């Protein structure tokens, strides 16, 4: 069993924000995403590439989420091997 990423605890222990704080964060996020989208559009970046880059940046900033997704992918791969008979079931 692997241990959680060191930042997992930090992310889980963040204080919950009130509605006003949440709205301010959402507004700021919207503004930053709009700027990034405009820049990508100005440079001719295809929408799929922009979305992939945004997702990669989000995962890079959220190591606990990235680790969770990797674990799910690993378990799905193990299950696929078991269902195909290439790995014994315990």
Protein backbone atom coordinates (compact mmCIF):
# COMPACT_ATOMS: atom_id res chain seq x y z
CA UNK A 1 0.00 0.00 0.00
CA UNK A 2 1.39 3.39 -0.95
CA UNK A 3 1.23 6.40 1.29
CA UNK A 4 -0.65 9.50 0.28
CA UNK A 5 1.12 12.41 -1.32
CA UNK A 6 2.54 14.79 1.34
CA UNK A 7 0.19 17.57 0.23
CA UNK A 8 -2.93 15.40 0.60
CA UNK A 9 -3.33 16.33 4.25
CA UNK A 10 -2.79 20.01 3.48
CA UNK A 11 -5.53 19.98 0.83
CA UNK A 12 -7.97 18.10 3.03
CA UNK A 13 -7.44 20.45 5.97
CA UNK A 14 -8.06 23.72 4.14
CA UNK A 15 -10.64 25.90 5.89
CA UNK A 16 -14.04 25.95 4.25
CA UNK A 17 -14.87 29.24 2.63
CA UNK A 18 -18.07 31.17 3.06
CA UNK A 19 -20.32 32.12 0.13
CA UNK A 20 -18.68 35.55 -0.31
CA UNK A 21 -15.19 34.03 -0.42
CA UNK A 22 -16.36 31.32 -2.81
CA UNK A 23 -17.83 33.93 -5.15
CA UNK A 24 -14.61 35.96 -5.08
CA UNK A 25 -12.55 32.86 -5.89
CA UNK A 26 -14.95 31.90 -8.70
CA UNK A 27 -14.78 35.40 -10.16
CA UNK A 28 -10.99 35.45 -10.00
CA UNK A 29 -10.80 32.00 -11.53
CA UNK A 30 -13.15 33.03 -14.33
CA UNK A 31 -11.02 36.09 -15.06
CA UNK A 32 -7.78 34.08 -15.16
CA UNK A 33 -9.29 31.39 -17.36
CA UNK A 34 -10.64 34.04 -19.74
CA UNK A 35 -7.16 35.59 -19.99
CA UNK A 36 -5.58 32.20 -20.62
CA UNK A 37 -8.21 31.34 -23.24
CA UNK A 38 -7.69 34.67 -25.00
CA UNK A 39 -3.93 34.15 -25.05
CA UNK A 40 -4.34 30.60 -26.38
CA UNK A 41 -6.75 31.85 -29.05
CA UNK A 42 -4.40 34.68 -30.05
CA UNK A 43 -1.59 32.17 -30.56
CA UNK A 44 -3.79 29.70 -32.44
CA UNK A 45 -3.72 26.96 -29.83
CA UNK A 46 -6.38 24.35 -30.69
CA UNK A 47 -9.19 24.06 -28.10
CA UNK A 48 -8.31 20.43 -27.30
CA UNK A 49 -4.69 21.38 -26.64
CA UNK A 50 -5.81 24.27 -24.42
CA UNK A 51 -8.13 21.98 -22.44
CA UNK A 52 -5.39 19.35 -22.10
CA UNK A 53 -2.91 21.96 -20.88
CA UNK A 54 -5.43 23.31 -18.38
CA UNK A 55 -6.14 19.80 -17.08
CA UNK A 56 -2.40 19.06 -16.80
CA UNK A 57 -1.85 22.30 -14.89
CA UNK A 58 -4.74 21.47 -12.54
CA UNK A 59 -3.34 18.00 -11.84
CA UNK A 60 0.11 19.48 -11.29
CA UNK A 61 -1.37 21.86 -8.72
CA UNK A 62 -3.45 19.07 -7.11
CA UNK A 63 -1.07 16.16 -6.45
CA UNK A 64 -3.58 14.37 -4.22
CA UNK A 65 -6.10 14.27 -7.08
CA UNK A 66 -3.43 13.12 -9.52
CA UNK A 67 -2.44 10.34 -7.13
CA UNK A 68 -6.07 9.29 -6.69
CA UNK A 69 -6.60 9.11 -10.46
CA UNK A 70 -3.39 7.09 -10.90
CA UNK A 71 -4.59 4.64 -8.25
CA UNK A 72 -7.96 4.26 -9.99
CA UNK A 73 -6.23 3.67 -13.34
CA UNK A 74 -3.91 1.10 -11.75
CA UNK A 75 -6.81 -0.76 -10.15
CA UNK A 76 -8.74 -0.72 -13.45
CA UNK A 77 -5.70 -2.20 -15.19
CA UNK A 78 -5.42 -4.94 -12.56
CA UNK A 79 -9.13 -5.73 -12.95
CA UNK A 80 -8.74 -5.89 -16.73
CA UNK A 81 -5.84 -8.34 -16.38
CA UNK A 82 -7.88 -10.47 -13.99
CA UNK A 83 -10.93 -10.48 -16.27
CA UNK A 84 -8.80 -11.49 -19.26
CA UNK A 85 -7.26 -14.36 -17.28
CA UNK A 86 -3.74 -12.94 -17.42
CA UNK A 87 -3.63 -12.38 -13.64
CA UNK A 88 -4.89 -14.75 -10.98
CA UNK A 89 -7.74 -13.68 -8.77
CA UNK A 90 -7.00 -13.81 -5.06
